[in-house]
């Protein structure tokens, strides 16, 4: 039960983190605190990448190394999913996913200091 709750929380944070990065708005304090593993008050690129890598693993329930729309249907819009599916295969590979979320991080990092506040 605890694992299911932790997975649900992580996935909800994923959705919010992606949306936050895509909108380039400040990160909500509760989300920042969850991702800020070194407790310095901001989320650096490595922390964000580690969180997103873990989120991908949780979403990839059949462990085939890719996500399908059904895997993320409640978290991402069809447009967001299509934006990640760069090769148009109908699935999002780990590489496609990480490229997108890290591009979103860079976009949200308006100061260019490698930190999300």
C-alpha atoms as a PDB file:
ATOM      1  CA  UNK A   1       0.000   0.000   0.000  1.00  0.00           C
ATOM      2  CA  UNK A   2       2.805   2.446   0.888  1.00  0.00           C
ATOM      3  CA  UNK A   3       4.495   1.695  -2.440  1.00  0.00           C
ATOM      4  CA  UNK A   4       1.281   2.426  -4.317  1.00  0.00           C
ATOM      5  CA  UNK A   5       0.841   5.728  -2.480  1.00  0.00           C
ATOM      6  CA  UNK A   6       4.469   6.716  -3.089  1.00  0.00           C
ATOM      7  CA  UNK A   7       4.125   5.856  -6.776  1.00  0.00           C
ATOM      8  CA  UNK A   8       0.937   7.893  -7.069  1.00  0.00           C
ATOM      9  CA  UNK A   9       2.537  10.893  -5.370  1.00  0.00           C
ATOM     10  CA  UNK A  10       5.608  10.632  -7.616  1.00  0.00           C
ATOM     11  CA  UNK A  11       3.496  10.435 -10.736  1.00  0.00           C
ATOM     12  CA  UNK A  12       1.386  13.407  -9.681  1.00  0.00           C
ATOM     13  CA  UNK A  13       4.584  15.332  -9.061  1.00  0.00           C
ATOM     14  CA  UNK A  14       5.797  14.315 -12.507  1.00  0.00           C
ATOM     15  CA  UNK A  15       2.717  15.782 -14.095  1.00  0.00           C
ATOM     16  CA  UNK A  16       3.094  19.001 -12.149  1.00  0.00           C
ATOM     17  CA  UNK A  17       6.820  19.180 -12.779  1.00  0.00           C
ATOM     18  CA  UNK A  18       6.358  18.782 -16.521  1.00  0.00           C
ATOM     19  CA  UNK A  19       3.576  21.337 -16.585  1.00  0.00           C
ATOM     20  CA  UNK A  20       5.634  23.729 -14.470  1.00  0.00           C
ATOM     21  CA  UNK A  21       8.639  23.394 -16.742  1.00  0.00           C
ATOM     22  CA  UNK A  22       6.573  23.784 -19.901  1.00  0.00           C
ATOM     23  CA  UNK A  23       4.939  26.936 -18.563  1.00  0.00           C
ATOM     24  CA  UNK A  24       8.244  28.313 -17.254  1.00  0.00           C
ATOM     25  CA  UNK A  25       6.588  29.403 -14.016  1.00  0.00           C
ATOM     26  CA  UNK A  26       8.066  29.212 -10.539  1.00  0.00           C
ATOM     27  CA  UNK A  27       7.951  25.795  -8.917  1.00  0.00           C
ATOM     28  CA  UNK A  28       5.481  25.325  -6.064  1.00  0.00           C
ATOM     29  CA  UNK A  29       7.315  25.121  -2.722  1.00  0.00           C
ATOM     30  CA  UNK A  30       5.962  21.654  -1.876  1.00  0.00           C
ATOM     31  CA  UNK A  31       7.148  20.286  -5.202  1.00  0.00           C
ATOM     32  CA  UNK A  32      10.525  21.948  -4.872  1.00  0.00           C
ATOM     33  CA  UNK A  33      10.979  20.488  -1.406  1.00  0.00           C
ATOM     34  CA  UNK A  34      10.246  16.985  -2.731  1.00  0.00           C
ATOM     35  CA  UNK A  35      12.737  17.274  -5.591  1.00  0.00           C
ATOM     36  CA  UNK A  36      15.374  19.246  -3.642  1.00  0.00           C
ATOM     37  CA  UNK A  37      17.342  16.291  -2.311  1.00  0.00           C
ATOM     38  CA  UNK A  38      20.292  18.366  -1.087  1.00  0.00           C
ATOM     39  CA  UNK A  39      17.968  20.785   0.797  1.00  0.00           C
ATOM     40  CA  UNK A  40      19.517  23.957  -0.605  1.00  0.00           C
ATOM     41  CA  UNK A  41      16.177  25.561  -1.486  1.00  0.00           C
ATOM     42  CA  UNK A  42      16.294  24.972  -5.227  1.00  0.00           C
ATOM     43  CA  UNK A  43      16.208  22.077  -7.675  1.00  0.00           C
ATOM     44  CA  UNK A  44      19.321  21.652  -9.778  1.00  0.00           C
ATOM     45  CA  UNK A  45      19.579  19.858 -13.093  1.00  0.00           C
ATOM     46  CA  UNK A  46      20.922  16.635 -11.556  1.00  0.00           C
ATOM     47  CA  UNK A  47      18.105  16.483  -8.981  1.00  0.00           C
ATOM     48  CA  UNK A  48      15.491  17.074 -11.665  1.00  0.00           C
ATOM     49  CA  UNK A  49      17.052  14.492 -13.971  1.00  0.00           C
ATOM     50  CA  UNK A  50      17.172  11.893 -11.176  1.00  0.00           C
ATOM     51  CA  UNK A  51      13.526  12.544 -10.311  1.00  0.00           C
ATOM     52  CA  UNK A  52      12.431  12.285 -13.945  1.00  0.00           C
ATOM     53  CA  UNK A  53      14.448   9.094 -14.480  1.00  0.00           C
ATOM     54  CA  UNK A  54      12.685   7.565 -11.480  1.00  0.00           C
ATOM     55  CA  UNK A  55       9.312   8.836 -12.730  1.00  0.00           C
ATOM     56  CA  UNK A  56       9.890   7.208 -16.123  1.00  0.00           C
ATOM     57  CA  UNK A  57      10.669   3.912 -14.400  1.00  0.00           C
ATOM     58  CA  UNK A  58       7.436   4.114 -12.402  1.00  0.00           C
ATOM     59  CA  UNK A  59       5.374   4.951 -15.479  1.00  0.00           C
ATOM     60  CA  UNK A  60       6.933   2.185 -17.576  1.00  0.00           C
ATOM     61  CA  UNK A  61       4.940  -0.508 -15.823  1.00  0.00           C
ATOM     62  CA  UNK A  62       5.641  -3.237 -18.380  1.00  0.00           C
ATOM     63  CA  UNK A  63       9.383  -2.424 -18.302  1.00  0.00           C
ATOM     64  CA  UNK A  64       9.793  -2.278 -22.071  1.00  0.00           C
ATOM     65  CA  UNK A  65      11.714   1.003 -22.035  1.00  0.00           C
ATOM     66  CA  UNK A  66       8.939   3.085 -23.551  1.00  0.00           C
ATOM     67  CA  UNK A  67       5.694   4.771 -22.626  1.00  0.00           C
ATOM     68  CA  UNK A  68       2.421   4.649 -24.483  1.00  0.00           C
ATOM     69  CA  UNK A  69      -0.392   7.164 -24.301  1.00  0.00           C
ATOM     70  CA  UNK A  70      -2.319   4.807 -22.020  1.00  0.00           C
ATOM     71  CA  UNK A  71       0.585   4.838 -19.535  1.00  0.00           C
ATOM     72  CA  UNK A  72       0.429   8.620 -19.146  1.00  0.00           C
ATOM     73  CA  UNK A  73      -3.122   9.410 -20.254  1.00  0.00           C
ATOM     74  CA  UNK A  74      -4.097  10.981 -16.940  1.00  0.00           C
ATOM     75  CA  UNK A  75      -0.833  12.921 -16.654  1.00  0.00           C
ATOM     76  CA  UNK A  76      -0.174  14.354 -20.094  1.00  0.00           C
ATOM     77  CA  UNK A  77      -2.390  15.747 -22.779  1.00  0.00           C
ATOM     78  CA  UNK A  78      -2.338  14.194 -26.230  1.00  0.00           C
ATOM     79  CA  UNK A  79      -0.326  17.216 -27.428  1.00  0.00           C
ATOM     80  CA  UNK A  80       2.257  16.814 -24.670  1.00  0.00           C
ATOM     81  CA  UNK A  81       2.599  13.116 -25.455  1.00  0.00           C
ATOM     82  CA  UNK A  82       2.934  13.826 -29.195  1.00  0.00           C
ATOM     83  CA  UNK A  83       5.614  16.442 -28.478  1.00  0.00           C
ATOM     84  CA  UNK A  84       7.661  13.805 -26.661  1.00  0.00           C
ATOM     85  CA  UNK A  85       7.131  11.176 -29.373  1.00  0.00           C
ATOM     86  CA  UNK A  86       9.704  12.746 -31.712  1.00  0.00           C
ATOM     87  CA  UNK A  87       9.905   9.793 -34.078  1.00  0.00           C
ATOM     88  CA  UNK A  88       6.117   9.404 -34.339  1.00  0.00           C
ATOM     89  CA  UNK A  89       6.240   5.759 -33.282  1.00  0.00           C
ATOM     90  CA  UNK A  90       3.245   6.002 -30.969  1.00  0.00           C
ATOM     91  CA  UNK A  91       5.441   5.438 -27.944  1.00  0.00           C
ATOM     92  CA  UNK A  92       7.918   7.580 -26.047  1.00  0.00           C
ATOM     93  CA  UNK A  93      11.328   6.057 -25.462  1.00  0.00           C
ATOM     94  CA  UNK A  94      13.352   6.809 -22.353  1.00  0.00           C
ATOM     95  CA  UNK A  95      15.599   9.007 -24.499  1.00  0.00           C
ATOM     96  CA  UNK A  96      12.672  10.952 -25.961  1.00  0.00           C
ATOM     97  CA  UNK A  97      11.183  11.399 -22.497  1.00  0.00           C
ATOM     98  CA  UNK A  98      14.420  12.593 -20.921  1.00  0.00           C
ATOM     99  CA  UNK A  99      15.231  14.894 -23.843  1.00  0.00           C
ATOM    100  CA  UNK A 100      11.840  16.559 -23.464  1.00  0.00           C
ATOM    101  CA  UNK A 101      11.809  16.946 -19.695  1.00  0.00           C
ATOM    102  CA  UNK A 102      15.369  18.257 -19.648  1.00  0.00           C
ATOM    103  CA  UNK A 103      14.514  20.744 -22.426  1.00  0.00           C
ATOM    104  CA  UNK A 104      11.552  21.772 -20.250  1.00  0.00           C
ATOM    105  CA  UNK A 105      13.940  22.219 -17.313  1.00  0.00           C
ATOM    106  CA  UNK A 106      16.190  24.463 -19.415  1.00  0.00           C
ATOM    107  CA  UNK A 107      13.178  26.501 -20.527  1.00  0.00           C
ATOM    108  CA  UNK A 108      11.972  26.914 -16.936  1.00  0.00           C
ATOM    109  CA  UNK A 109      15.479  27.948 -15.828  1.00  0.00           C
ATOM    110  CA  UNK A 110      14.940  31.543 -16.881  1.00  0.00           C
ATOM    111  CA  UNK A 111      18.087  32.768 -15.128  1.00  0.00           C
ATOM    112  CA  UNK A 112      20.241  30.111 -16.783  1.00  0.00           C
ATOM    113  CA  UNK A 113      21.891  29.208 -13.489  1.00  0.00           C
ATOM    114  CA  UNK A 114      20.928  25.521 -13.641  1.00  0.00           C
ATOM    115  CA  UNK A 115      18.505  25.887 -10.721  1.00  0.00           C
ATOM    116  CA  UNK A 116      14.725  25.991 -10.432  1.00  0.00           C
ATOM    117  CA  UNK A 117      13.517  28.084  -7.544  1.00  0.00           C
END
